[in-house]
Amino acid sequence: MFCQQLHIESADIGEWEDDNPLNYENCDLAYCTQYFKQTNNYFKFDRPLPAVGQKYKHFKIGKIVTIIGISRHTETEEVTVVYDYEGHIWNRPLEMFMSEVDKEKYPNTTQKYRFELVED
């Protein structure tokens, strides 16, 4: 026997459009966060959330990671960024992924953020 929980939220997304990402069968959580959980501090950043397929550079040694998706822990609801680095899957809390580099701890870094989007 098992128990399944269903969490439902509502949001005013304005006028519905067929090309709205929420209308896609495999809607990415990053798109959904634009409409839901707006009172949650996880989603208040001064730059866009990472999206599937984007490449980001880590500030320490310049390694490039590829975003797999955004996930939410099933019990704590902590939001994490899931990414691939050299064939290994990693995740990091979204807040940490989006954070600025601690310039006191790492004074020689040139990046503003821990992970910065790599332009194509």
PDB file of N, CA and C in Angstrom:
ATOM      1  N   MET A   1       0.835  -1.159   0.000  1.00  0.00           N
ATOM      2  CA  MET A   1       0.000   0.000   0.000  1.00  0.00           C
ATOM      3  C   MET A   1       0.896   1.242   0.000  1.00  0.00           C
ATOM      4  N   PHE A   2       0.467   2.262  -0.683  1.00  0.00           N
ATOM      5  CA  PHE A   2       1.237   3.499  -0.711  1.00  0.00           C
ATOM      6  C   PHE A   2       0.301   4.692  -0.615  1.00  0.00           C
ATOM      7  N   CYS A   3       0.890   5.810  -0.255  1.00  0.00           N
ATOM      8  CA  CYS A   3       0.138   7.049  -0.119  1.00  0.00           C
ATOM      9  C   CYS A   3       0.707   8.058  -1.109  1.00  0.00           C
ATOM     10  N   GLN A   4      -0.142   8.742  -1.789  1.00  0.00           N
ATOM     11  CA  GLN A   4       0.303   9.749  -2.748  1.00  0.00           C
ATOM     12  C   GLN A   4      -0.311  11.083  -2.364  1.00  0.00           C
ATOM     13  N   GLN A   5       0.512  12.134  -2.393  1.00  0.00           N
ATOM     14  CA  GLN A   5       0.022  13.463  -2.074  1.00  0.00           C
ATOM     15  C   GLN A   5      -0.018  14.298  -3.338  1.00  0.00           C
ATOM     16  N   LEU A   6      -0.972  15.180  -3.409  1.00  0.00           N
ATOM     17  CA  LEU A   6      -1.099  16.075  -4.547  1.00  0.00           C
ATOM     18  C   LEU A   6      -1.083  17.505  -4.019  1.00  0.00           C
ATOM     19  N   HIS A   7      -0.183  18.283  -4.551  1.00  0.00           N
ATOM     20  CA  HIS A   7      -0.074  19.687  -4.153  1.00  0.00           C
ATOM     21  C   HIS A   7      -0.601  20.542  -5.303  1.00  0.00           C
ATOM     22  N   ILE A   8      -1.588  21.376  -5.035  1.00  0.00           N
ATOM     23  CA  ILE A   8      -2.196  22.197  -6.073  1.00  0.00           C
ATOM     24  C   ILE A   8      -2.066  23.658  -5.694  1.00  0.00           C
ATOM     25  N   GLU A   9      -1.668  24.473  -6.665  1.00  0.00           N
ATOM     26  CA  GLU A   9      -1.607  25.917  -6.472  1.00  0.00           C
ATOM     27  C   GLU A   9      -2.336  26.582  -7.612  1.00  0.00           C
ATOM     28  N   SER A  10      -2.806  27.774  -7.361  1.00  0.00           N
ATOM     29  CA  SER A  10      -3.427  28.534  -8.431  1.00  0.00           C
ATOM     30  C   SER A  10      -2.701  29.860  -8.565  1.00  0.00           C
ATOM     31  N   ALA A  11      -2.749  30.414  -9.755  1.00  0.00           N
ATOM     32  CA  ALA A  11      -2.107  31.698 -10.009  1.00  0.00           C
ATOM     33  C   ALA A  11      -2.827  32.385 -11.150  1.00  0.00           C
ATOM     34  N   ASP A  12      -2.808  33.689 -11.122  1.00  0.00           N
ATOM     35  CA  ASP A  12      -3.388  34.465 -12.210  1.00  0.00           C
ATOM     36  C   ASP A  12      -2.313  34.652 -13.274  1.00  0.00           C
ATOM     37  N   ILE A  13      -2.454  33.956 -14.396  1.00  0.00           N
ATOM     38  CA  ILE A  13      -1.444  34.050 -15.448  1.00  0.00           C
ATOM     39  C   ILE A  13      -1.870  35.014 -16.539  1.00  0.00           C
ATOM     40  N   GLY A  14      -2.948  35.728 -16.291  1.00  0.00           N
ATOM     41  CA  GLY A  14      -3.419  36.687 -17.286  1.00  0.00           C
ATOM     42  C   GLY A  14      -4.190  35.978 -18.382  1.00  0.00           C
ATOM     43  N   GLU A  15      -4.215  36.572 -19.561  1.00  0.00           N
ATOM     44  CA  GLU A  15      -4.941  35.998 -20.689  1.00  0.00           C
ATOM     45  C   GLU A  15      -4.208  34.763 -21.204  1.00  0.00           C
ATOM     46  N   TRP A  16      -4.949  33.668 -21.377  1.00  0.00           N
ATOM     47  CA  TRP A  16      -4.334  32.415 -21.821  1.00  0.00           C
ATOM     48  C   TRP A  16      -3.958  32.495 -23.295  1.00  0.00           C
ATOM     49  N   GLU A  17      -2.747  32.013 -23.596  1.00  0.00           N
ATOM     50  CA  GLU A  17      -2.275  31.950 -24.973  1.00  0.00           C
ATOM     51  C   GLU A  17      -1.785  30.540 -25.243  1.00  0.00           C
ATOM     52  N   ASP A  18      -2.033  30.035 -26.458  1.00  0.00           N
ATOM     53  CA  ASP A  18      -1.629  28.668 -26.792  1.00  0.00           C
ATOM     54  C   ASP A  18      -0.124  28.459 -26.720  1.00  0.00           C
ATOM     55  N   ASP A  19       0.671  29.511 -26.984  1.00  0.00           N
ATOM     56  CA  ASP A  19       2.123  29.342 -26.963  1.00  0.00           C
ATOM     57  C   ASP A  19       2.721  29.593 -25.574  1.00  0.00           C
ATOM     58  N   ASN A  20       1.870  29.734 -24.552  1.00  0.00           N
ATOM     59  CA  ASN A  20       2.342  29.886 -23.179  1.00  0.00           C
ATOM     60  C   ASN A  20       3.030  28.580 -22.774  1.00  0.00           C
ATOM     61  N   PRO A  21       4.254  28.629 -22.218  1.00  0.00           N
ATOM     62  CA  PRO A  21       4.960  27.401 -21.836  1.00  0.00           C
ATOM     63  C   PRO A  21       4.193  26.511 -20.872  1.00  0.00           C
ATOM     64  N   LEU A  22       3.300  27.086 -20.075  1.00  0.00           N
ATOM     65  CA  LEU A  22       2.520  26.268 -19.152  1.00  0.00           C
ATOM     66  C   LEU A  22       1.558  25.340 -19.885  1.00  0.00           C
ATOM     67  N   ASN A  23       1.320  25.603 -21.159  1.00  0.00           N
ATOM     68  CA  ASN A  23       0.405  24.801 -21.955  1.00  0.00           C
ATOM     69  C   ASN A  23       1.110  23.593 -22.582  1.00  0.00           C
ATOM     70  N   TYR A  24       2.416  23.528 -22.472  1.00  0.00           N
ATOM     71  CA  TYR A  24       3.173  22.420 -23.060  1.00  0.00           C
ATOM     72  C   TYR A  24       3.060  21.187 -22.176  1.00  0.00           C
ATOM     73  N   GLU A  25       3.030  20.025 -22.807  1.00  0.00           N
ATOM     74  CA  GLU A  25       2.906  18.775 -22.065  1.00  0.00           C
ATOM     75  C   GLU A  25       4.070  18.588 -21.097  1.00  0.00           C
ATOM     76  N   ASN A  26       5.278  18.918 -21.510  1.00  0.00           N
ATOM     77  CA  ASN A  26       6.465  18.745 -20.668  1.00  0.00           C
ATOM     78  C   ASN A  26       6.980  20.104 -20.197  1.00  0.00           C
ATOM     79  N   CYS A  27       6.119  20.864 -19.583  1.00  0.00           N
ATOM     80  CA  CYS A  27       6.472  22.206 -19.108  1.00  0.00           C
ATOM     81  C   CYS A  27       7.624  22.124 -18.117  1.00  0.00           C
ATOM     82  N   ASP A  28       8.644  22.938 -18.327  1.00  0.00           N
ATOM     83  CA  ASP A  28       9.809  22.987 -17.456  1.00  0.00           C
ATOM     84  C   ASP A  28       9.461  23.775 -16.188  1.00  0.00           C
ATOM     85  N   LEU A  29       9.928  23.301 -15.044  1.00  0.00           N
ATOM     86  CA  LEU A  29       9.643  23.969 -13.780  1.00  0.00           C
ATOM     87  C   LEU A  29      10.112  25.419 -13.782  1.00  0.00           C
ATOM     88  N   ALA A  30      11.174  25.718 -14.495  1.00  0.00           N
ATOM     89  CA  ALA A  30      11.678  27.093 -14.542  1.00  0.00           C
ATOM     90  C   ALA A  30      10.613  28.040 -15.096  1.00  0.00           C
ATOM     91  N   TYR A  31       9.824  27.586 -16.074  1.00  0.00           N
ATOM     92  CA  TYR A  31       8.750  28.426 -16.598  1.00  0.00           C
ATOM     93  C   TYR A  31       7.635  28.578 -15.560  1.00  0.00           C
ATOM     94  N   CYS A  32       7.320  27.500 -14.881  1.00  0.00           N
ATOM     95  CA  CYS A  32       6.230  27.535 -13.899  1.00  0.00           C
ATOM     96  C   CYS A  32       6.531  28.502 -12.760  1.00  0.00           C
ATOM     97  N   THR A  33       7.791  28.625 -12.390  1.00  0.00           N
ATOM     98  CA  THR A  33       8.137  29.495 -11.267  1.00  0.00           C
ATOM     99  C   THR A  33       7.835  30.952 -11.559  1.00  0.00           C
ATOM    100  N   GLN A  34       7.642  31.302 -12.813  1.00  0.00           N
ATOM    101  CA  GLN A  34       7.264  32.669 -13.147  1.00  0.00           C
ATOM    102  C   GLN A  34       5.850  32.967 -12.668  1.00  0.00           C
ATOM    103  N   TYR A  35       5.029  31.934 -12.484  1.00  0.00           N
ATOM    104  CA  TYR A  35       3.629  32.108 -12.139  1.00  0.00           C
ATOM    105  C   TYR A  35       3.280  31.657 -10.721  1.00  0.00           C
ATOM    106  N   PHE A  36       4.020  30.678 -10.203  1.00  0.00           N
ATOM    107  CA  PHE A  36       3.692  30.113  -8.907  1.00  0.00           C
ATOM    108  C   PHE A  36       4.778  30.410  -7.879  1.00  0.00           C
ATOM    109  N   LYS A  37       4.403  30.353  -6.625  1.00  0.00           N
ATOM    110  CA  LYS A  37       5.330  30.541  -5.507  1.00  0.00           C
ATOM    111  C   LYS A  37       6.037  31.889  -5.556  1.00  0.00           C
ATOM    112  N   GLN A  38       5.370  32.922  -6.036  1.00  0.00           N
ATOM    113  CA  GLN A  38       6.000  34.235  -6.133  1.00  0.00           C
ATOM    114  C   GLN A  38       6.353  34.825  -4.772  1.00  0.00           C
ATOM    115  N   THR A  39       5.725  34.360  -3.718  1.00  0.00           N
ATOM    116  CA  THR A  39       6.048  34.877  -2.399  1.00  0.00           C
ATOM    117  C   THR A  39       7.272  34.188  -1.818  1.00  0.00           C
ATOM    118  N   ASN A  40       7.752  33.142  -2.476  1.00  0.00           N
ATOM    119  CA  ASN A  40       8.913  32.402  -2.006  1.00  0.00           C
ATOM    120  C   ASN A  40      10.187  33.137  -2.401  1.00  0.00           C
ATOM    121  N   ASN A  41      11.097  33.322  -1.472  1.00  0.00           N
ATOM    122  CA  ASN A  41      12.340  34.052  -1.742  1.00  0.00           C
ATOM    123  C   ASN A  41      13.246  33.364  -2.753  1.00  0.00           C
ATOM    124  N   TYR A  42      13.042  32.068  -3.019  1.00  0.00           N
ATOM    125  CA  TYR A  42      13.892  31.368  -3.972  1.00  0.00           C
ATOM    126  C   TYR A  42      13.828  31.992  -5.364  1.00  0.00           C
ATOM    127  N   PHE A  43      12.735  32.640  -5.692  1.00  0.00           N
ATOM    128  CA  PHE A  43      12.539  33.085  -7.056  1.00  0.00           C
ATOM    129  C   PHE A  43      12.705  34.587  -7.239  1.00  0.00           C
ATOM    130  N   LYS A  44      13.334  35.259  -6.316  1.00  0.00           N
ATOM    131  CA  LYS A  44      13.543  36.698  -6.423  1.00  0.00           C
ATOM    132  C   LYS A  44      15.022  36.961  -6.675  1.00  0.00           C
ATOM    133  N   PHE A  45      15.402  36.935  -7.929  1.00  0.00           N
ATOM    134  CA  PHE A  45      16.787  37.162  -8.321  1.00  0.00           C
ATOM    135  C   PHE A  45      16.847  38.302  -9.327  1.00  0.00           C
ATOM    136  N   ASP A  46      18.020  38.896  -9.452  1.00  0.00           N
ATOM    137  CA  ASP A  46      18.184  40.013 -10.388  1.00  0.00           C
ATOM    138  C   ASP A  46      18.580  39.552 -11.784  1.00  0.00           C
ATOM    139  N   ARG A  47      18.457  38.248 -12.033  1.00  0.00           N
ATOM    140  CA  ARG A  47      18.749  37.698 -13.364  1.00  0.00           C
ATOM    141  C   ARG A  47      17.853  36.490 -13.597  1.00  0.00           C
ATOM    142  N   PRO A  48      17.680  36.092 -14.865  1.00  0.00           N
ATOM    143  CA  PRO A  48      16.772  34.975 -15.176  1.00  0.00           C
ATOM    144  C   PRO A  48      17.238  33.650 -14.564  1.00  0.00           C
ATOM    145  N   LEU A  49      16.273  32.794 -14.284  1.00  0.00           N
ATOM    146  CA  LEU A  49      16.595  31.460 -13.785  1.00  0.00           C
ATOM    147  C   LEU A  49      17.261  30.641 -14.887  1.00  0.00           C
ATOM    148  N   PRO A  50      18.105  29.681 -14.504  1.00  0.00           N
ATOM    149  CA  PRO A  50      18.714  28.800 -15.499  1.00  0.00           C
ATOM    150  C   PRO A  50      17.652  27.997 -16.231  1.00  0.00           C
ATOM    151  N   ALA A  51      17.899  27.712 -17.497  1.00  0.00           N
ATOM    152  CA  ALA A  51      16.965  26.927 -18.308  1.00  0.00           C
ATOM    153  C   ALA A  51      17.690  25.709 -18.884  1.00  0.00           C
ATOM    154  N   VAL A  52      16.920  24.696 -19.189  1.00  0.00           N
ATOM    155  CA  VAL A  52      17.461  23.447 -19.727  1.00  0.00           C
ATOM    156  C   VAL A  52      18.334  23.724 -20.952  1.00  0.00           C
ATOM    157  N   GLY A  53      19.522  23.120 -20.952  1.00  0.00           N
ATOM    158  CA  GLY A  53      20.431  23.231 -22.082  1.00  0.00           C
ATOM    159  C   GLY A  53      21.407  24.392 -22.006  1.00  0.00           C
ATOM    160  N   GLN A  54      21.143  25.356 -21.141  1.00  0.00           N
ATOM    161  CA  GLN A  54      22.073  26.484 -21.025  1.00  0.00           C
ATOM    162  C   GLN A  54      23.380  26.018 -20.401  1.00  0.00           C
ATOM    163  N   LYS A  55      24.438  26.725 -20.734  1.00  0.00           N
ATOM    164  CA  LYS A  55      25.757  26.421 -20.189  1.00  0.00           C
ATOM    165  C   LYS A  55      26.193  27.562 -19.272  1.00  0.00           C
ATOM    166  N   TYR A  56      26.714  27.178 -18.112  1.00  0.00           N
ATOM    167  CA  TYR A  56      27.173  28.142 -17.114  1.00  0.00           C
ATOM    168  C   TYR A  56      28.614  27.838 -16.743  1.00  0.00           C
ATOM    169  N   LYS A  57      29.342  28.883 -16.430  1.00  0.00           N
ATOM    170  CA  LYS A  57      30.742  28.763 -16.029  1.00  0.00           C
ATOM    171  C   LYS A  57      30.833  28.949 -14.522  1.00  0.00           C
ATOM    172  N   HIS A  58      31.504  28.003 -13.852  1.00  0.00           N
ATOM    173  CA  HIS A  58      31.717  28.096 -12.413  1.00  0.00           C
ATOM    174  C   HIS A  58      32.885  29.044 -12.149  1.00  0.00           C
ATOM    175  N   PHE A  59      32.805  29.820 -11.099  1.00  0.00           N
ATOM    176  CA  PHE A  59      33.776  30.892 -10.866  1.00  0.00           C
ATOM    177  C   PHE A  59      35.167  30.428 -10.472  1.00  0.00           C
ATOM    178  N   LYS A  60      35.321  29.280  -9.807  1.00  0.00           N
ATOM    179  CA  LYS A  60      36.644  28.894  -9.287  1.00  0.00           C
ATOM    180  C   LYS A  60      37.638  28.522 -10.372  1.00  0.00           C
ATOM    181  N   ILE A  61      37.329  27.484 -11.117  1.00  0.00           N
ATOM    182  CA  ILE A  61      38.308  27.022 -12.116  1.00  0.00           C
ATOM    183  C   ILE A  61      37.774  27.107 -13.535  1.00  0.00           C
ATOM    184  N   GLY A  62      36.641  27.771 -13.700  1.00  0.00           N
ATOM    185  CA  GLY A  62      36.115  28.008 -15.037  1.00  0.00           C
ATOM    186  C   GLY A  62      35.465  26.818 -15.704  1.00  0.00           C
ATOM    187  N   LYS A  63      35.125  25.772 -14.938  1.00  0.00           N
ATOM    188  CA  LYS A  63      34.483  24.620 -15.560  1.00  0.00           C
ATOM    189  C   LYS A  63      33.088  24.991 -16.054  1.00  0.00           C
ATOM    190  N   ILE A  64      32.725  24.398 -17.196  1.00  0.00           N
ATOM    191  CA  ILE A  64      31.438  24.665 -17.824  1.00  0.00           C
ATOM    192  C   ILE A  64      30.478  23.532 -17.484  1.00  0.00           C
ATOM    193  N   VAL A  65      29.282  23.890 -17.017  1.00  0.00           N
ATOM    194  CA  VAL A  65      28.253  22.910 -16.693  1.00  0.00           C
ATOM    195  C   VAL A  65      27.055  23.145 -17.605  1.00  0.00           C
ATOM    196  N   THR A  66      26.294  22.084 -17.867  1.00  0.00           N
ATOM    197  CA  THR A  66      25.100  22.169 -18.708  1.00  0.00           C
ATOM    198  C   THR A  66      23.875  21.903 -17.847  1.00  0.00           C
ATOM    199  N   ILE A  67      22.917  22.814 -17.897  1.00  0.00           N
ATOM    200  CA  ILE A  67      21.715  22.706 -17.075  1.00  0.00           C
ATOM    201  C   ILE A  67      20.819  21.573 -17.585  1.00  0.00           C
ATOM    202  N   ILE A  68      20.434  20.699 -16.677  1.00  0.00           N
ATOM    203  CA  ILE A  68      19.498  19.619 -16.973  1.00  0.00           C
ATOM    204  C   ILE A  68      18.085  20.057 -16.595  1.00  0.00           C
ATOM    205  N   GLY A  69      17.957  20.786 -15.494  1.00  0.00           N
ATOM    206  CA  GLY A  69      16.642  21.253 -15.078  1.00  0.00           C
ATOM    207  C   GLY A  69      16.661  21.844 -13.687  1.00  0.00           C
ATOM    208  N   ILE A  70      15.482  22.228 -13.261  1.00  0.00           N
ATOM    209  CA  ILE A  70      15.261  22.736 -11.913  1.00  0.00           C
ATOM    210  C   ILE A  70      14.426  21.678 -11.200  1.00  0.00           C
ATOM    211  N   SER A  71      14.799  21.339  -9.969  1.00  0.00           N
ATOM    212  CA  SER A  71      14.046  20.314  -9.240  1.00  0.00           C
ATOM    213  C   SER A  71      13.604  20.844  -7.886  1.00  0.00           C
ATOM    214  N   ARG A  72      12.665  20.132  -7.294  1.00  0.00           N
ATOM    215  CA  ARG A  72      12.180  20.484  -5.959  1.00  0.00           C
ATOM    216  C   ARG A  72      12.204  19.217  -5.119  1.00  0.00           C
ATOM    217  N   HIS A  73      12.801  19.307  -3.935  1.00  0.00           N
ATOM    218  CA  HIS A  73      12.855  18.175  -3.013  1.00  0.00           C
ATOM    219  C   HIS A  73      11.431  17.795  -2.605  1.00  0.00           C
ATOM    220  N   THR A  74      11.148  16.511  -2.589  1.00  0.00           N
ATOM    221  CA  THR A  74       9.781  16.059  -2.344  1.00  0.00           C
ATOM    222  C   THR A  74       9.283  16.320  -0.930  1.00  0.00           C
ATOM    223  N   GLU A  75      10.166  16.432   0.027  1.00  0.00           N
ATOM    224  CA  GLU A  75       9.716  16.645   1.405  1.00  0.00           C
ATOM    225  C   GLU A  75       9.998  18.054   1.911  1.00  0.00           C
ATOM    226  N   THR A  76      11.174  18.592   1.608  1.00  0.00           N
ATOM    227  CA  THR A  76      11.516  19.923   2.113  1.00  0.00           C
ATOM    228  C   THR A  76      11.102  21.033   1.157  1.00  0.00           C
ATOM    229  N   GLU A  77      10.805  20.673  -0.091  1.00  0.00           N
ATOM    230  CA  GLU A  77      10.475  21.600  -1.172  1.00  0.00           C
ATOM    231  C   GLU A  77      11.633  22.528  -1.536  1.00  0.00           C
ATOM    232  N   GLU A  78      12.846  22.199  -1.080  1.00  0.00           N
ATOM    233  CA  GLU A  78      14.009  22.995  -1.477  1.00  0.00           C
ATOM    234  C   GLU A  78      14.186  22.893  -2.993  1.00  0.00           C
ATOM    235  N   VAL A  79      14.421  24.017  -3.635  1.00  0.00           N
ATOM    236  CA  VAL A  79      14.592  24.060  -5.083  1.00  0.00           C
ATOM    237  C   VAL A  79      16.077  23.981  -5.401  1.00  0.00           C
ATOM    238  N   THR A  80      16.421  23.089  -6.335  1.00  0.00           N
ATOM    239  CA  THR A  80      17.821  22.937  -6.736  1.00  0.00           C
ATOM    240  C   THR A  80      17.961  23.022  -8.250  1.00  0.00           C
ATOM    241  N   VAL A  81      19.177  23.344  -8.673  1.00  0.00           N
ATOM    242  CA  VAL A  81      19.529  23.328 -10.088  1.00  0.00           C
ATOM    243  C   VAL A  81      20.262  22.020 -10.332  1.00  0.00           C
ATOM    244  N   VAL A  82      19.808  21.271 -11.330  1.00  0.00           N
ATOM    245  CA  VAL A  82      20.428  19.995 -11.678  1.00  0.00           C
ATOM    246  C   VAL A  82      21.242  20.231 -12.939  1.00  0.00           C
ATOM    247  N   TYR A  83      22.527  19.829 -12.895  1.00  0.00           N
ATOM    248  CA  TYR A  83      23.382  20.087 -14.046  1.00  0.00           C
ATOM    249  C   TYR A  83      24.357  18.943 -14.278  1.00  0.00           C
ATOM    250  N   ASP A  84      24.871  18.907 -15.498  1.00  0.00           N
ATOM    251  CA  ASP A  84      25.834  17.898 -15.923  1.00  0.00           C
ATOM    252  C   ASP A  84      27.213  18.541 -16.003  1.00  0.00           C
ATOM    253  N   TYR A  85      28.196  17.856 -15.447  1.00  0.00           N
ATOM    254  CA  TYR A  85      29.585  18.271 -15.596  1.00  0.00           C
ATOM    255  C   TYR A  85      30.403  17.032 -15.912  1.00  0.00           C
ATOM    256  N   GLU A  86      30.925  16.984 -17.117  1.00  0.00           N
ATOM    257  CA  GLU A  86      31.768  15.878 -17.592  1.00  0.00           C
ATOM    258  C   GLU A  86      31.123  14.511 -17.361  1.00  0.00           C
ATOM    259  N   GLY A  87      29.829  14.402 -17.676  1.00  0.00           N
ATOM    260  CA  GLY A  87      29.143  13.121 -17.595  1.00  0.00           C
ATOM    261  C   GLY A  87      28.611  12.758 -16.226  1.00  0.00           C
ATOM    262  N   HIS A  88      28.807  13.619 -15.243  1.00  0.00           N
ATOM    263  CA  HIS A  88      28.287  13.377 -13.900  1.00  0.00           C
ATOM    264  C   HIS A  88      27.158  14.361 -13.624  1.00  0.00           C
ATOM    265  N   ILE A  89      26.135  13.893 -12.933  1.00  0.00           N
ATOM    266  CA  ILE A  89      24.975  14.718 -12.609  1.00  0.00           C
ATOM    267  C   ILE A  89      25.158  15.282 -11.198  1.00  0.00           C
ATOM    268  N   TRP A  90      24.989  16.592 -11.088  1.00  0.00           N
ATOM    269  CA  TRP A  90      25.131  17.289  -9.813  1.00  0.00           C
ATOM    270  C   TRP A  90      23.889  18.128  -9.577  1.00  0.00           C
ATOM    271  N   ASN A  91      23.680  18.505  -8.335  1.00  0.00           N
ATOM    272  CA  ASN A  91      22.654  19.503  -8.052  1.00  0.00           C
ATOM    273  C   ASN A  91      23.153  20.428  -6.954  1.00  0.00           C
ATOM    274  N   ARG A  92      22.619  21.614  -6.962  1.00  0.00           N
ATOM    275  CA  ARG A  92      23.026  22.635  -6.007  1.00  0.00           C
ATOM    276  C   ARG A  92      21.788  23.471  -5.704  1.00  0.00           C
ATOM    277  N   PRO A  93      21.613  23.895  -4.469  1.00  0.00           N
ATOM    278  CA  PRO A  93      20.458  24.742  -4.160  1.00  0.00           C
ATOM    279  C   PRO A  93      20.405  25.957  -5.095  1.00  0.00           C
ATOM    280  N   LEU A  94      19.209  26.257  -5.578  1.00  0.00           N
ATOM    281  CA  LEU A  94      19.031  27.361  -6.510  1.00  0.00           C
ATOM    282  C   LEU A  94      19.590  28.660  -5.944  1.00  0.00           C
ATOM    283  N   GLU A  95      19.336  28.907  -4.680  1.00  0.00           N
ATOM    284  CA  GLU A  95      19.816  30.138  -4.053  1.00  0.00           C
ATOM    285  C   GLU A  95      21.342  30.230  -4.115  1.00  0.00           C
ATOM    286  N   MET A  96      22.028  29.113  -3.884  1.00  0.00           N
ATOM    287  CA  MET A  96      23.486  29.096  -3.958  1.00  0.00           C
ATOM    288  C   MET A  96      23.951  29.243  -5.408  1.00  0.00           C
ATOM    289  N   PHE A  97      23.281  28.548  -6.331  1.00  0.00           N
ATOM    290  CA  PHE A  97      23.642  28.622  -7.745  1.00  0.00           C
ATOM    291  C   PHE A  97      23.573  30.064  -8.243  1.00  0.00           C
ATOM    292  N   MET A  98      22.562  30.789  -7.810  1.00  0.00           N
ATOM    293  CA  MET A  98      22.335  32.163  -8.279  1.00  0.00           C
ATOM    294  C   MET A  98      23.107  33.207  -7.477  1.00  0.00           C
ATOM    295  N   SER A  99      23.785  32.805  -6.419  1.00  0.00           N
ATOM    296  CA  SER A  99      24.426  33.761  -5.515  1.00  0.00           C
ATOM    297  C   SER A  99      25.669  34.415  -6.110  1.00  0.00           C
ATOM    298  N   GLU A 100      26.017  35.551  -5.516  1.00  0.00           N
ATOM    299  CA  GLU A 100      27.245  36.245  -5.892  1.00  0.00           C
ATOM    300  C   GLU A 100      28.420  35.573  -5.201  1.00  0.00           C
ATOM    301  N   VAL A 101      29.596  35.706  -5.812  1.00  0.00           N
ATOM    302  CA  VAL A 101      30.818  35.159  -5.224  1.00  0.00           C
ATOM    303  C   VAL A 101      31.173  35.984  -3.990  1.00  0.00           C
ATOM    304  N   ASP A 102      31.598  35.326  -2.936  1.00  0.00           N
ATOM    305  CA  ASP A 102      32.068  36.009  -1.731  1.00  0.00           C
ATOM    306  C   ASP A 102      33.455  36.579  -2.024  1.00  0.00           C
ATOM    307  N   LYS A 103      33.516  37.880  -2.275  1.00  0.00           N
ATOM    308  CA  LYS A 103      34.777  38.529  -2.669  1.00  0.00           C
ATOM    309  C   LYS A 103      35.789  38.576  -1.530  1.00  0.00           C
ATOM    310  N   GLU A 104      35.335  38.474  -0.284  1.00  0.00           N
ATOM    311  CA  GLU A 104      36.287  38.426   0.827  1.00  0.00           C
ATOM    312  C   GLU A 104      36.994  37.078   0.868  1.00  0.00           C
ATOM    313  N   LYS A 105      36.255  36.030   0.595  1.00  0.00           N
ATOM    314  CA  LYS A 105      36.823  34.679   0.598  1.00  0.00           C
ATOM    315  C   LYS A 105      37.605  34.396  -0.687  1.00  0.00           C
ATOM    316  N   TYR A 106      37.132  34.949  -1.807  1.00  0.00           N
ATOM    317  CA  TYR A 106      37.767  34.739  -3.115  1.00  0.00           C
ATOM    318  C   TYR A 106      38.036  36.101  -3.768  1.00  0.00           C
ATOM    319  N   PRO A 107      39.032  36.835  -3.278  1.00  0.00           N
ATOM    320  CA  PRO A 107      39.262  38.202  -3.768  1.00  0.00           C
ATOM    321  C   PRO A 107      39.771  38.285  -5.207  1.00  0.00           C
ATOM    322  N   ASN A 108      40.331  37.213  -5.726  1.00  0.00           N
ATOM    323  CA  ASN A 108      40.926  37.259  -7.072  1.00  0.00           C
ATOM    324  C   ASN A 108      39.987  36.835  -8.190  1.00  0.00           C
ATOM    325  N   THR A 109      38.776  36.463  -7.855  1.00  0.00           N
ATOM    326  CA  THR A 109      37.845  36.025  -8.896  1.00  0.00           C
ATOM    327  C   THR A 109      37.355  37.213  -9.718  1.00  0.00           C
ATOM    328  N   THR A 110      37.122  36.963 -10.998  1.00  0.00           N
ATOM    329  CA  THR A 110      36.640  38.034 -11.880  1.00  0.00           C
ATOM    330  C   THR A 110      35.132  37.958 -12.092  1.00  0.00           C
ATOM    331  N   GLN A 111      34.511  36.833 -11.745  1.00  0.00           N
ATOM    332  CA  GLN A 111      33.072  36.685 -11.935  1.00  0.00           C
ATOM    333  C   GLN A 111      32.316  37.339 -10.787  1.00  0.00           C
ATOM    334  N   LYS A 112      31.161  37.897 -11.122  1.00  0.00           N
ATOM    335  CA  LYS A 112      30.287  38.463 -10.096  1.00  0.00           C
ATOM    336  C   LYS A 112      29.510  37.352  -9.393  1.00  0.00           C
ATOM    337  N   TYR A 113      29.039  36.372 -10.192  1.00  0.00           N
ATOM    338  CA  TYR A 113      28.202  35.302  -9.661  1.00  0.00           C
ATOM    339  C   TYR A 113      28.962  33.983  -9.604  1.00  0.00           C
ATOM    340  N   ARG A 114      28.520  33.111  -8.708  1.00  0.00           N
ATOM    341  CA  ARG A 114      29.107  31.769  -8.575  1.00  0.00           C
ATOM    342  C   ARG A 114      29.052  31.034  -9.921  1.00  0.00           C
ATOM    343  N   PHE A 115      27.904  31.094 -10.609  1.00  0.00           N
ATOM    344  CA  PHE A 115      27.749  30.526 -11.939  1.00  0.00           C
ATOM    345  C   PHE A 115      27.265  31.636 -12.862  1.00  0.00           C
ATOM    346  N   GLU A 116      27.928  31.799 -13.981  1.00  0.00           N
ATOM    347  CA  GLU A 116      27.522  32.816 -14.955  1.00  0.00           C
ATOM    348  C   GLU A 116      27.231  32.161 -16.296  1.00  0.00           C
ATOM    349  N   LEU A 117      26.165  32.629 -16.919  1.00  0.00           N
ATOM    350  CA  LEU A 117      25.737  32.109 -18.213  1.00  0.00           C
ATOM    351  C   LEU A 117      26.813  32.329 -19.248  1.00  0.00           C
ATOM    352  N   VAL A 118      27.091  31.283 -20.020  1.00  0.00           N
ATOM    353  CA  VAL A 118      28.063  31.360 -21.111  1.00  0.00           C
ATOM    354  C   VAL A 118      27.293  31.692 -22.377  1.00  0.00           C
ATOM    355  N   GLU A 119      27.634  32.778 -23.024  1.00  0.00           N
ATOM    356  CA  GLU A 119      26.967  33.169 -24.268  1.00  0.00           C
ATOM    357  C   GLU A 119      27.438  32.283 -25.405  1.00  0.00           C
ATOM    358  N   ASP A 120      26.538  31.948 -26.309  1.00  0.00           N
ATOM    359  CA  ASP A 120      26.910  31.115 -27.479  1.00  0.00           C
ATOM    360  C   ASP A 120      27.755  31.919 -28.439  1.00  0.00           C
TER     361      ASP A 120
END
